[in-house]
Amino acid sequence: MADNSSVWEDDPHLEKHGRSWLEYLALTTDYLSIPLCFLAVLADYSLIYTILRYRRLKNRTNYYLLNFAAFHLVYIISTPLFYLILDIFYKDGMEINWYCTWSRVENFGMALLLTFIAGYGVDVLIEDHKPTWFSKYRERYFYLFSFFYFLHFMIYLISASICFKEAFRNNFNFYFLTIYYLLEVIFLLYLGISDKYEKSNALTISITILLIWLPLFFVYNLLNFVKDTNVEFFLWYSAFLPEYLAYSSPIIVSCQLWKYNKHFKTAFRKLFKRHVSFPDYEELFMNETKIDDDDKM
């Protein structure tokens, strides 16, 4: 996440000798995150597998969910994978520039997962209203995806090259990501409360997931600016709560799809070896000629 200049000394989750009870609390929260992370990875895998497996689910709107799940995986496994590599290959320590480059992968995943979950709700709204430019968007949405990849990869490269410098530059990536995130939230909330647009379950899902991430951005930005030692102390040891919310994002998405989308529900039931009717299962292999009201989120 955000990198303070004192991150090596302040982070309670790093290995230290002679732990206090608060450090044991931090260690306990790390272990408690394991089953949650497992469920989140399972939800990500379920989304990716079902969308790639069934022809009916291979459409533009669901590709937003596919990318969301893929980059949530990048976010959730980047840190443990980094420390695993650090323990195995860099027991004597890693050069600060390489550490900085690795540490930014988490932010890269965050940026793109937030982009695609926001795009999911907006895409359905565009599909419903079919503006004059909709046909061009439908044919060329891949270029929009490519722009998202390019933009955030460039931000990643820039931030990785200047991080661990003094003051603002040290947290350039996270400050950019915070502003980007807030713009997404404001835009989707505007769509959600505007009388011009008929609301959809997809837009509700997008707004819900973005708001779930709000505590995490709030806590980590406070850690960058707060100077009071007691407040900083409290924030470090309570940061696991907003992180748990962020981890749960794909679980919430999958539950909502199970509840409101019959094709996803059928695909999930089949994936987990539960009974499905043959007609419903057969529909998953049909080309989608139009989006039924039942399919819209």
Protein backbone atom coordinates (compact mmCIF):
# COMPACT_ATOMS: atom_id res chain seq x y z
CA MET A 1 0.00 0.00 0.00
CA ALA A 2 1.23 3.52 0.68
CA ASP A 3 4.89 3.74 1.62
CA ASN A 4 5.90 5.96 4.53
CA SER A 5 9.52 6.89 4.98
CA SER A 6 9.49 4.94 8.27
CA VAL A 7 7.73 1.86 6.87
CA TRP A 8 10.45 -0.55 8.02
CA GLU A 9 10.07 0.55 11.64
CA ASP A 10 6.34 1.27 11.82
CA ASP A 11 4.64 -1.62 10.06
CA PRO A 12 3.48 -4.03 12.84
CA HIS A 13 3.23 -6.92 10.40
CA LEU A 14 6.95 -7.08 9.76
CA GLU A 15 9.09 -9.62 11.61
CA LYS A 16 10.66 -8.29 14.80
CA HIS A 17 12.31 -9.76 17.91
CA GLY A 18 10.46 -9.59 21.23
CA ARG A 19 6.80 -9.07 20.36
CA SER A 20 4.34 -7.09 22.47
CA TRP A 21 0.68 -8.14 22.78
CA LEU A 22 -0.21 -5.65 20.04
CA GLU A 23 2.31 -7.23 17.74
CA TYR A 24 0.73 -10.59 18.47
CA LEU A 25 -2.61 -9.01 17.59
CA ALA A 26 -1.17 -7.93 14.24
CA LEU A 27 0.17 -11.45 13.67
CA THR A 28 -3.24 -12.91 14.56
CA THR A 29 -4.99 -10.68 12.04
CA ASP A 30 -2.53 -11.84 9.41
CA TYR A 31 -3.48 -15.47 10.09
CA LEU A 32 -7.19 -14.63 10.17
CA SER A 33 -6.85 -13.07 6.73
CA ILE A 34 -5.81 -16.43 5.25
CA PRO A 35 -9.33 -18.00 5.03
CA LEU A 36 -10.74 -14.68 3.78
CA CYS A 37 -8.06 -14.47 1.11
CA PHE A 38 -8.76 -18.08 0.15
CA LEU A 39 -12.47 -17.30 -0.33
CA ALA A 40 -11.61 -14.17 -2.30
CA VAL A 41 -9.26 -16.09 -4.58
CA LEU A 42 -11.96 -18.75 -5.03
CA ALA A 43 -14.47 -16.04 -6.00
CA ASP A 44 -11.99 -14.52 -8.45
CA TYR A 45 -11.30 -17.93 -9.95
CA SER A 46 -15.04 -18.65 -10.23
CA LEU A 47 -15.64 -15.42 -12.14
CA ILE A 48 -12.70 -15.97 -14.48
CA TYR A 49 -13.46 -19.65 -15.10
CA THR A 50 -17.18 -19.26 -15.78
CA ILE A 51 -16.74 -16.30 -18.13
CA LEU A 52 -14.05 -18.08 -20.13
CA ARG A 53 -15.85 -21.45 -20.02
CA TYR A 54 -19.33 -20.56 -21.27
CA ARG A 55 -20.16 -18.89 -24.56
CA ARG A 56 -23.24 -17.17 -23.14
CA LEU A 57 -21.10 -15.32 -20.60
CA LYS A 58 -18.47 -14.20 -23.11
CA ASN A 59 -19.66 -10.69 -23.75
CA ARG A 60 -18.33 -7.17 -23.40
CA THR A 61 -20.00 -6.46 -20.07
CA ASN A 62 -18.70 -9.63 -18.45
CA TYR A 63 -15.18 -8.91 -19.72
CA TYR A 64 -15.19 -6.01 -17.28
CA LEU A 65 -15.83 -8.54 -14.51
CA LEU A 66 -13.16 -10.84 -15.95
CA ASN A 67 -10.56 -8.08 -15.74
CA PHE A 68 -11.77 -7.03 -12.29
CA ALA A 69 -11.28 -10.57 -10.99
CA ALA A 70 -7.88 -10.96 -12.66
CA PHE A 71 -6.49 -7.74 -11.20
CA HIS A 72 -8.01 -8.43 -7.80
CA LEU A 73 -5.90 -11.59 -7.88
CA VAL A 74 -2.85 -9.45 -8.67
CA TYR A 75 -3.71 -7.21 -5.72
CA ILE A 76 -4.37 -9.97 -3.22
CA ILE A 77 -1.40 -12.24 -4.00
CA SER A 78 1.23 -9.60 -4.85
CA THR A 79 2.32 -8.91 -1.26
CA PRO A 80 2.54 -12.52 0.03
CA LEU A 81 4.22 -13.58 -3.23
CA PHE A 82 6.73 -10.75 -2.85
CA TYR A 83 7.66 -11.73 0.70
CA LEU A 84 7.89 -15.39 -0.32
CA ILE A 85 10.35 -14.46 -3.06
CA LEU A 86 12.17 -12.20 -0.60
CA ASP A 87 12.54 -15.03 1.93
CA ILE A 88 13.69 -17.59 -0.65
CA PHE A 89 15.96 -15.60 -2.94
CA TYR A 90 16.91 -12.44 -1.03
CA LYS A 91 17.70 -13.57 2.51
CA ASP A 92 20.46 -10.97 2.74
CA GLY A 93 18.11 -8.19 1.67
CA MET A 94 16.96 -6.64 -1.58
CA GLU A 95 18.16 -3.42 -3.17
CA ILE A 96 15.78 -0.58 -2.37
CA ASN A 97 15.01 0.12 -6.04
CA TRP A 98 13.90 -3.46 -6.64
CA TYR A 99 11.90 -3.45 -3.42
CA CYS A 100 10.17 -0.29 -4.54
CA THR A 101 9.38 -1.74 -7.96
CA TRP A 102 7.88 -4.89 -6.43
CA SER A 103 5.90 -2.98 -3.81
CA ARG A 104 4.10 -0.98 -6.49
CA VAL A 105 2.58 -4.09 -8.10
CA GLU A 106 -0.14 -4.06 -5.44
CA ASN A 107 -1.14 -0.51 -6.38
CA PHE A 108 -1.08 -1.46 -10.06
CA GLY A 109 -3.57 -4.25 -9.39
CA MET A 110 -5.73 -1.94 -7.28
CA ALA A 111 -5.90 0.70 -10.00
CA LEU A 112 -7.08 -1.71 -12.67
CA LEU A 113 -9.53 -3.68 -10.52
CA LEU A 114 -11.19 -0.40 -9.49
CA THR A 115 -11.24 0.73 -13.12
CA PHE A 116 -12.98 -2.39 -14.37
CA ILE A 117 -15.52 -2.72 -11.57
CA ALA A 118 -16.53 0.90 -12.18
CA GLY A 119 -16.65 0.23 -15.92
CA TYR A 120 -18.94 -2.74 -15.35
CA GLY A 121 -21.77 -0.58 -14.03
CA VAL A 122 -21.21 2.16 -16.60
CA ASP A 123 -21.17 -0.36 -19.45
CA VAL A 124 -24.61 -1.72 -18.55
CA LEU A 125 -25.93 1.83 -18.29
CA ILE A 126 -24.60 2.57 -21.78
CA GLU A 127 -26.10 -0.68 -23.07
CA ASP A 128 -29.50 0.26 -21.67
CA HIS A 129 -29.58 3.78 -23.13
CA LYS A 130 -27.71 3.13 -26.39
CA PRO A 131 -26.38 6.63 -27.16
CA THR A 132 -25.55 7.58 -30.75
CA TRP A 133 -21.94 6.44 -30.35
CA PHE A 134 -22.87 3.08 -28.84
CA SER A 135 -22.18 1.08 -32.02
CA LYS A 136 -18.58 2.39 -32.14
CA TYR A 137 -18.12 1.60 -28.47
CA ARG A 138 -19.51 -1.91 -28.94
CA GLU A 139 -17.13 -2.60 -31.81
CA ARG A 140 -14.02 -0.95 -30.33
CA TYR A 141 -14.25 -1.44 -26.57
CA PHE A 142 -11.01 -3.44 -26.75
CA TYR A 143 -9.18 -0.18 -27.46
CA LEU A 144 -10.69 1.29 -24.29
CA PHE A 145 -9.40 -1.70 -22.31
CA SER A 146 -5.98 -1.23 -23.92
CA PHE A 147 -5.99 2.42 -22.87
CA PHE A 148 -6.69 1.42 -19.26
CA TYR A 149 -3.78 -1.04 -19.33
CA PHE A 150 -1.43 1.50 -20.91
CA LEU A 151 -2.38 4.35 -18.56
CA HIS A 152 -1.88 2.41 -15.35
CA PHE A 153 1.24 0.65 -16.58
CA MET A 154 2.79 4.05 -17.33
CA ILE A 155 1.81 5.29 -13.86
CA TYR A 156 3.37 2.13 -12.42
CA LEU A 157 6.64 2.72 -14.30
CA ILE A 158 6.77 6.38 -13.28
CA SER A 159 6.03 5.68 -9.62
CA ALA A 160 8.46 2.75 -9.46
CA SER A 161 11.22 4.97 -10.80
CA ILE A 162 10.73 7.80 -8.28
CA CYS A 163 9.48 6.09 -5.12
CA PHE A 164 11.47 5.96 -1.89
CA LYS A 165 12.47 9.56 -2.46
CA GLU A 166 11.57 12.31 -0.03
CA ALA A 167 8.15 13.81 0.65
CA PHE A 168 5.45 13.74 -2.04
CA ARG A 169 7.39 11.68 -4.58
CA ASN A 170 7.65 8.78 -2.17
CA ASN A 171 3.87 8.25 -2.34
CA PHE A 172 3.16 9.56 -5.82
CA ASN A 173 1.49 6.30 -6.89
CA PHE A 174 -0.89 6.17 -3.95
CA TYR A 175 -1.79 9.86 -4.14
CA PHE A 176 -2.57 9.48 -7.83
CA LEU A 177 -4.58 6.34 -7.10
CA THR A 178 -6.55 8.13 -4.36
CA ILE A 179 -7.52 11.00 -6.67
CA TYR A 180 -8.38 8.55 -9.44
CA TYR A 181 -10.50 6.51 -7.03
CA LEU A 182 -12.38 9.55 -5.71
CA LEU A 183 -13.20 10.68 -9.24
CA GLU A 184 -14.64 7.23 -9.96
CA VAL A 185 -16.73 7.29 -6.79
CA ILE A 186 -18.08 10.79 -7.48
CA PHE A 187 -18.95 9.90 -11.07
CA LEU A 188 -20.75 6.66 -10.20
CA LEU A 189 -22.59 8.25 -7.28
CA TYR A 190 -23.77 10.95 -9.68
CA LEU A 191 -25.07 8.25 -12.04
CA GLY A 192 -26.67 6.47 -9.10
CA ILE A 193 -28.63 9.49 -7.83
CA SER A 194 -29.37 11.09 -11.20
CA ASP A 195 -32.99 10.93 -12.36
CA LYS A 196 -31.81 10.79 -15.97
CA TYR A 197 -30.79 7.15 -15.76
CA GLU A 198 -32.70 4.01 -14.91
CA LYS A 199 -30.77 2.20 -12.21
CA SER A 200 -29.41 -1.31 -12.69
CA ASN A 201 -28.07 -3.97 -10.38
CA ALA A 202 -24.71 -3.65 -12.12
CA LEU A 203 -24.44 0.02 -11.19
CA THR A 204 -25.40 -0.82 -7.61
CA ILE A 205 -22.68 -3.49 -7.51
CA SER A 206 -20.10 -1.05 -8.88
CA ILE A 207 -20.97 1.66 -6.35
CA THR A 208 -21.04 -0.85 -3.48
CA ILE A 209 -17.59 -2.22 -4.31
CA LEU A 210 -16.09 1.24 -4.70
CA LEU A 211 -17.51 2.35 -1.34
CA ILE A 212 -16.15 -0.81 0.30
CA TRP A 213 -12.69 0.44 -0.64
CA LEU A 214 -13.26 3.88 0.92
CA PRO A 215 -12.06 2.96 4.46
CA LEU A 216 -8.81 1.56 3.07
CA PHE A 217 -8.01 4.77 1.18
CA PHE A 218 -8.99 6.82 4.23
CA VAL A 219 -6.76 4.89 6.65
CA TYR A 220 -3.68 4.72 4.44
CA ASN A 221 -3.88 8.38 3.49
CA LEU A 222 -4.13 9.27 7.18
CA LEU A 223 -1.00 7.21 7.77
CA ASN A 224 0.81 9.36 5.23
CA PHE A 225 -0.18 12.64 6.84
CA VAL A 226 -0.77 12.07 10.56
CA LYS A 227 2.05 13.17 12.85
CA ASP A 228 0.62 12.10 16.18
CA THR A 229 2.37 8.92 17.32
CA ASN A 230 -0.65 7.54 19.19
CA VAL A 231 -2.96 8.04 16.21
CA GLU A 232 -0.45 6.45 13.85
CA PHE A 233 -0.05 3.59 16.30
CA PHE A 234 -3.82 3.00 16.36
CA LEU A 235 -4.12 3.20 12.57
CA TRP A 236 -1.40 0.61 11.95
CA TYR A 237 -3.02 -1.91 14.29
CA SER A 238 -6.55 -1.37 12.94
CA ALA A 239 -5.63 -1.30 9.24
CA PHE A 240 -6.60 -4.96 8.87
CA LEU A 241 -10.32 -4.03 8.99
CA PRO A 242 -10.42 -1.96 5.76
CA GLU A 243 -8.06 -4.48 4.16
CA TYR A 244 -10.52 -7.28 4.95
CA LEU A 245 -13.27 -5.27 3.27
CA ALA A 246 -11.13 -4.82 0.17
CA TYR A 247 -10.33 -8.55 0.08
CA SER A 248 -14.06 -9.37 0.16
CA SER A 249 -14.88 -7.49 -3.07
CA PRO A 250 -15.11 -10.51 -5.43
CA ILE A 251 -17.10 -12.46 -2.84
CA ILE A 252 -19.74 -9.73 -2.81
CA VAL A 253 -19.77 -9.53 -6.61
CA SER A 254 -20.19 -13.29 -6.95
CA CYS A 255 -23.01 -13.37 -4.39
CA GLN A 256 -24.86 -10.61 -6.24
CA LEU A 257 -24.43 -12.35 -9.57
CA TRP A 258 -25.72 -15.59 -8.02
CA LYS A 259 -28.76 -13.72 -6.74
CA TYR A 260 -29.68 -11.63 -9.78
CA ASN A 261 -28.22 -13.27 -12.91
CA LYS A 262 -29.61 -16.69 -13.82
CA HIS A 263 -26.76 -17.57 -16.20
CA PHE A 264 -24.07 -16.84 -13.63
CA LYS A 265 -26.10 -18.72 -11.04
CA THR A 266 -26.31 -21.76 -13.32
CA ALA A 267 -22.58 -21.54 -14.09
CA PHE A 268 -21.64 -21.25 -10.41
CA ARG A 269 -23.92 -24.14 -9.45
CA LYS A 270 -22.32 -26.30 -12.14
CA LEU A 271 -18.83 -25.29 -11.00
CA PHE A 272 -19.58 -26.37 -7.43
CA LYS A 273 -21.23 -29.63 -8.51
CA ARG A 274 -24.76 -28.60 -7.62
CA HIS A 275 -27.82 -29.63 -9.60
CA VAL A 276 -28.81 -27.51 -12.61
CA SER A 277 -31.62 -28.09 -15.09
CA PHE A 278 -30.54 -29.20 -18.55
CA PRO A 279 -32.29 -26.29 -20.40
CA ASP A 280 -30.56 -23.73 -18.15
CA TYR A 281 -27.20 -25.43 -18.60
CA GLU A 282 -27.69 -25.65 -22.36
CA GLU A 283 -28.28 -21.90 -22.53
CA LEU A 284 -24.75 -21.30 -21.29
CA PHE A 285 -23.39 -22.64 -24.59
CA MET A 286 -25.61 -20.49 -26.82
CA ASN A 287 -24.44 -17.31 -28.51
CA GLU A 288 -25.98 -14.22 -26.98
CA THR A 289 -28.05 -12.49 -29.64
CA LYS A 290 -29.58 -9.98 -27.27
CA ILE A 291 -29.48 -9.17 -23.59
CA ASP A 292 -32.68 -10.21 -21.91
CA ASP A 293 -34.06 -8.24 -19.01
CA ASP A 294 -33.28 -11.27 -16.89
CA ASP A 295 -29.59 -11.07 -17.81
CA LYS A 296 -29.08 -7.38 -17.18
CA MET A 297 -27.41 -6.44 -13.96
